[in-house]
Protein backbone atom coordinates (compact mmCIF):
# COMPACT_ATOMS: atom_id res chain seq x y z
CA MET A 1 201.77 0.03 -28.57
CA GLU A 2 198.71 -0.80 -26.47
CA ALA A 3 197.94 -3.80 -28.68
CA GLN A 4 201.52 -5.10 -28.40
CA THR A 5 202.00 -4.71 -24.66
CA GLY A 6 198.51 -5.07 -23.30
CA LEU A 7 198.95 -1.79 -21.38
CA GLN A 8 196.17 0.78 -21.26
CA PHE A 9 197.26 4.39 -21.40
CA GLU A 10 195.19 7.36 -20.17
CA THR A 11 195.12 10.61 -22.15
CA GLY A 12 198.19 12.75 -21.51
CA TRP A 13 201.78 13.40 -22.55
CA THR A 14 205.10 12.28 -21.11
CA THR A 15 208.26 13.73 -22.70
CA LEU A 16 211.39 11.57 -22.50
CA ALA A 17 214.92 12.84 -23.06
CA SER A 18 218.19 10.95 -22.72
CA SER A 19 221.77 11.61 -23.79
CA SER A 20 222.91 8.13 -22.78
CA ILE A 21 222.88 4.94 -24.86
CA ASP A 22 222.12 3.09 -21.61
CA PHE A 23 218.58 4.49 -21.63
CA ASP A 24 216.41 2.29 -19.40
CA PHE A 25 213.07 2.41 -21.22
CA ALA A 26 211.30 0.03 -18.81
CA ARG A 27 212.32 2.14 -15.82
CA VAL A 28 211.14 5.37 -17.48
CA VAL A 29 207.79 3.80 -18.40
CA ASP A 30 207.36 2.57 -14.82
CA GLU A 31 208.10 6.07 -13.53
CA ALA A 32 205.68 7.64 -16.03
CA LEU A 33 202.93 5.22 -15.04
CA ALA A 34 203.62 5.94 -11.35
CA ARG A 35 203.31 9.68 -12.07
CA GLY A 36 199.99 8.98 -13.77
CA VAL A 37 198.75 7.16 -10.68
CA ARG A 38 199.75 10.12 -8.49
CA GLU A 39 198.08 12.60 -10.87
CA ARG A 40 194.83 10.64 -10.84
CA ALA A 41 195.04 10.50 -7.05
CA HIS A 42 195.42 14.27 -6.96
CA LEU A 43 192.43 14.77 -9.26
CA SER A 44 190.39 12.52 -7.01
CA PHE A 45 191.61 14.48 -3.99
CA PHE A 46 190.56 17.82 -5.44
CA ALA A 47 187.16 16.43 -6.39
CA THR A 48 186.74 15.18 -2.83
CA LEU A 49 187.89 18.52 -1.43
CA ALA A 50 185.41 20.41 -3.62
CA HIS A 51 182.63 18.26 -2.25
CA GLU A 52 183.84 18.69 1.32
CA LEU A 53 183.98 22.47 0.93
CA ARG A 54 180.53 22.67 -0.69
CA THR A 55 178.87 20.97 2.29
CA PRO A 56 179.87 23.47 5.04
CA LEU A 57 179.44 26.41 2.65
CA THR A 58 175.84 25.33 1.94
CA SER A 59 175.20 24.95 5.65
CA ILE A 60 176.61 28.40 6.47
CA ARG A 61 174.55 30.03 3.74
CA GLY A 62 171.37 28.32 4.95
CA TYR A 63 171.81 29.37 8.57
CA LEU A 64 172.67 32.98 7.63
CA GLU A 65 169.71 33.28 5.28
CA THR A 66 167.43 31.99 8.02
CA LEU A 67 168.87 34.50 10.49
CA ILE A 68 168.30 37.36 8.01
CA GLU A 69 164.78 36.41 6.94
CA ASP A 70 163.18 35.08 10.15
CA GLY A 71 162.64 36.64 13.53
CA LEU A 72 164.29 34.08 15.82
CA ASP A 73 164.64 34.10 19.58
CA SER A 74 168.03 34.76 21.09
CA ASP A 75 168.77 31.12 21.98
CA THR A 76 168.06 29.91 18.44
CA THR A 77 170.05 32.79 16.97
CA GLY A 78 173.03 31.92 19.16
CA ARG A 79 172.81 28.24 18.22
CA PHE A 80 172.64 29.03 14.50
CA LEU A 81 175.61 31.42 14.71
CA GLU A 82 177.66 28.82 16.63
CA THR A 83 176.86 26.19 14.01
CA ALA A 84 177.86 28.57 11.20
CA ARG A 85 181.09 29.37 13.05
CA ALA A 86 181.92 25.67 13.47
CA GLU A 87 181.33 25.06 9.74
CA ALA A 88 183.55 28.05 8.86
CA LEU A 89 186.31 26.62 11.04
CA ARG A 90 185.94 23.27 9.27
CA MET A 91 186.38 25.01 5.91
CA THR A 92 189.49 26.73 7.27
CA ARG A 93 191.01 23.38 8.28
CA LEU A 94 190.28 21.94 4.84
CA LEU A 95 191.88 24.94 3.08
CA ASP A 96 194.89 24.86 5.43
CA GLY A 97 195.41 21.23 4.58
CA LEU A 98 195.12 21.95 0.86
CA PHE A 99 197.72 24.71 1.17
CA ASP A 100 200.12 22.37 3.00
CA VAL A 101 199.82 19.66 0.34
CA SER A 102 200.01 22.08 -2.63
CA SER A 103 203.06 23.89 -1.28
CA LEU A 104 204.82 20.65 -0.50
CA GLU A 105 204.17 19.19 -3.95
CA ALA A 106 205.48 22.33 -5.67
CA ARG A 107 208.41 22.80 -3.32
CA ILE A 108 212.06 22.70 -4.41
CA THR A 109 214.46 21.71 -1.64
CA LEU A 110 216.66 24.65 -0.72
CA GLU A 111 220.25 24.51 0.45
CA GLY A 112 220.52 24.83 4.23
CA GLU A 113 216.90 23.90 4.78
CA GLY A 114 217.82 21.00 7.04
CA ALA A 115 219.78 20.89 10.32
CA GLY A 116 216.66 20.82 12.49
CA ASP A 117 216.83 20.29 16.23
CA VAL A 118 214.89 17.15 17.18
CA GLN A 119 214.55 17.91 20.90
CA MET A 120 213.32 21.42 20.19
CA ALA A 121 210.80 20.11 17.67
CA LEU A 122 209.59 17.39 20.04
CA ALA A 123 209.15 19.87 22.92
CA ALA A 124 207.21 22.28 20.67
CA ALA A 125 205.00 19.46 19.35
CA LEU A 126 204.22 18.16 22.84
CA ASN A 127 203.24 21.66 23.95
CA ALA A 128 201.03 22.07 20.90
CA VAL A 129 199.07 18.84 21.49
CA ALA A 130 198.84 19.22 25.28
CA PRO A 131 195.29 20.72 25.19
CA ILE A 132 193.97 17.89 22.99
CA ALA A 133 195.64 15.31 25.20
CA ALA A 134 194.16 16.91 28.34
CA ALA A 135 190.67 16.97 26.80
CA ARG A 136 190.88 13.25 26.04
CA ARG A 137 192.75 12.48 29.28
CA THR A 138 195.59 10.95 27.28
CA VAL A 139 198.92 10.38 29.03
CA ILE A 140 201.99 10.96 26.84
CA SER A 141 205.33 9.44 27.84
CA GLN A 142 208.67 10.18 26.20
CA PHE A 143 211.92 8.22 25.86
CA SER A 144 214.60 9.84 23.76
CA CYS A 145 218.33 10.28 23.31
CA ASP A 146 220.30 13.45 22.54
CA VAL A 147 220.44 13.10 18.75
CA GLY A 148 221.22 16.69 17.81
CA SER A 149 220.30 17.75 14.27
CA VAL A 150 218.51 16.00 11.43
CA LEU A 151 218.42 16.77 7.72
CA LEU A 152 215.02 18.46 8.05
CA GLY A 153 214.10 21.89 9.33
CA THR A 154 212.94 22.29 12.93
CA ASP A 155 209.60 23.78 11.85
CA GLN A 156 208.98 20.90 9.43
CA MET A 157 209.98 18.38 12.10
CA THR A 158 207.58 20.03 14.53
CA GLN A 159 204.74 19.87 11.98
CA ILE A 160 205.38 16.17 11.39
CA LEU A 161 205.34 15.36 15.08
CA ILE A 162 202.19 17.41 15.74
CA ASN A 163 200.33 15.64 12.93
CA VAL A 164 201.28 12.15 14.10
CA LEU A 165 200.74 12.91 17.81
CA GLU A 166 197.31 14.44 17.11
CA ASN A 167 196.43 11.35 15.08
CA ALA A 168 197.46 9.09 17.98
CA ILE A 169 195.52 11.11 20.54
CA LYS A 170 192.35 11.60 18.51
CA HIS A 171 192.08 8.05 17.21
CA GLY A 172 193.48 6.35 20.30
CA SER A 173 191.54 5.32 23.37
CA GLU A 174 189.81 7.79 25.68
CA ALA A 175 192.00 8.18 28.77
CA GLY A 176 194.58 6.25 26.79
CA ARG A 177 198.35 6.20 26.41
CA VAL A 178 200.71 7.57 23.79
CA CYS A 179 204.42 6.80 23.91
CA VAL A 180 207.15 8.62 21.95
CA SER A 181 210.54 6.97 21.62
CA VAL A 182 213.56 8.35 19.74
CA GLU A 183 216.65 6.35 18.85
CA ARG A 184 219.55 6.50 16.45
CA GLU A 185 219.81 3.71 13.86
CA ALA A 186 223.06 2.19 12.61
CA ASN A 187 222.43 3.50 9.06
CA ARG A 188 222.66 7.17 10.19
CA GLN A 189 218.92 7.55 10.37
CA LEU A 190 216.88 8.68 13.30
CA GLN A 191 213.85 6.56 14.17
CA ILE A 192 210.94 8.07 16.07
CA CYS A 193 208.18 5.68 17.14
CA ILE A 194 204.81 7.01 18.27
CA ASP A 195 202.64 4.29 19.86
CA ASP A 196 199.06 4.38 21.09
CA ASN A 197 196.67 1.89 22.68
CA GLY A 198 193.73 2.55 20.36
CA PRO A 199 192.16 0.18 17.78
CA GLY A 200 195.21 0.24 15.51
CA VAL A 201 195.23 0.27 11.71
CA PRO A 202 194.16 -2.88 9.80
CA ALA A 203 197.02 -4.44 7.84
CA GLY A 204 195.27 -3.89 4.53
CA GLU A 205 195.00 -0.14 5.13
CA ARG A 206 198.46 0.65 6.41
CA SER A 207 199.74 1.99 3.11
CA ALA A 208 196.52 3.68 1.97
CA ILE A 209 196.18 5.95 5.03
CA PHE A 210 199.16 8.02 3.81
CA ALA A 211 197.40 8.85 0.51
CA LEU A 212 195.65 12.15 0.04
CA ALA A 213 192.14 12.36 1.53
CA ARG A 214 192.23 8.76 2.83
CA ARG A 215 191.26 7.72 6.35
CA GLY A 216 191.39 4.36 8.03
CA SER A 217 188.22 2.39 8.79
CA THR A 218 189.07 2.47 12.52
CA ALA A 219 189.38 6.27 12.64
CA ARG A 220 187.34 7.53 15.62
CA ALA A 221 187.54 11.28 15.18
CA ALA A 222 186.62 13.73 12.43
CA GLY A 223 189.35 14.58 9.92
CA ASN A 224 190.06 15.35 6.28
CA GLY A 225 192.75 12.77 5.54
CA LEU A 226 195.52 15.35 4.95
CA GLY A 227 197.73 15.15 8.08
CA LEU A 228 199.42 11.83 7.32
CA ALA A 229 199.81 12.73 3.61
CA VAL A 230 201.70 15.85 4.67
CA VAL A 231 203.87 13.75 7.03
CA ARG A 232 204.82 11.36 4.24
CA LEU A 233 205.58 14.21 1.77
CA LEU A 234 207.83 16.04 4.22
CA LEU A 235 209.79 12.93 5.23
CA GLU A 236 210.24 11.63 1.69
CA ARG A 237 211.46 15.04 0.54
CA ALA A 238 214.19 14.78 3.21
CA GLY A 239 215.17 11.25 2.20
CA GLY A 240 213.31 9.55 5.05
CA GLY A 241 209.99 7.78 5.30
CA VAL A 242 207.07 6.67 7.47
CA ASP A 243 205.14 3.48 7.99
CA VAL A 244 202.65 2.08 10.46
CA GLU A 245 202.45 -1.30 12.17
CA GLY A 246 200.98 -2.89 15.27
CA SER A 247 202.06 -1.39 18.59
CA PRO A 248 203.20 -3.18 21.76
CA LEU A 249 200.58 -1.01 23.47
CA GLY A 250 197.89 -2.73 21.41
CA GLY A 251 197.13 0.07 18.95
CA ALA A 252 199.18 1.60 16.13
CA ARG A 253 202.89 2.35 15.94
CA PHE A 254 203.97 5.05 13.50
CA ARG A 255 207.68 4.80 12.64
CA LEU A 256 209.29 7.97 11.32
CA ARG A 257 212.75 7.75 9.71
CA ILE A 258 214.84 10.90 9.16
CA PRO A 259 218.48 11.22 8.00
CA ILE A 260 220.61 12.63 10.80
CA GLY A 261 223.77 14.72 11.12
CA GLY A 262 226.84 13.99 13.20
CA ALA A 263 225.49 13.42 16.68
CA THR A 264 225.61 10.50 19.09
CA CYS A 265 223.27 9.18 21.75
């Protein structure tokens, strides 16, 4: 088959089953190849994660061994312990992100999971990011309508908003601006735009930053490349989506699209 089509196939199995004579072979092959791309991306992600976990673990071990074996003064001991604590927290963030991605990938959508309250989720998200915004002296403005419920749980909606808002604050300008706008679209979708006045995302990277363990070249703060991947997974599971473009503020605009229930602005 490879010789006839010119396609190169990686090792693995894909089982096809169809009870219809209208079996679309080309579509199924495209889907199988797309699954293969995602699986290779996941393998790459886990390899990257293993490397990322090994680095702080080695650092923690080194500092603790030094503390045990050497007689250090109190200032040095305190500094070493604080460094070990910071590395342990970094490992925790990496593992939390891995748990989020793994649980989302394995998840089966349950009946009644949706009907989330947008205003409640937005208020909770703004409260959650307030300390980060204060530390960077970022001003957040909000323009929204009374949408009511969306076909996504309130907790999931809150997680999405926290991830995107943190991204805008951390990678935006110091003492910068972040604007959140919410409006109802004609196609019964809710659109939430989160704008910042940072460096933006280069056009060639706007799709890649939603992949696992990928970060943009203009990223200014530390991160593990999981937050936006989680955002995309949650929204796509609900029948929505996310993309990024240039912002009127000069930085990046993240556009979130979520199917909505029967509410009006």
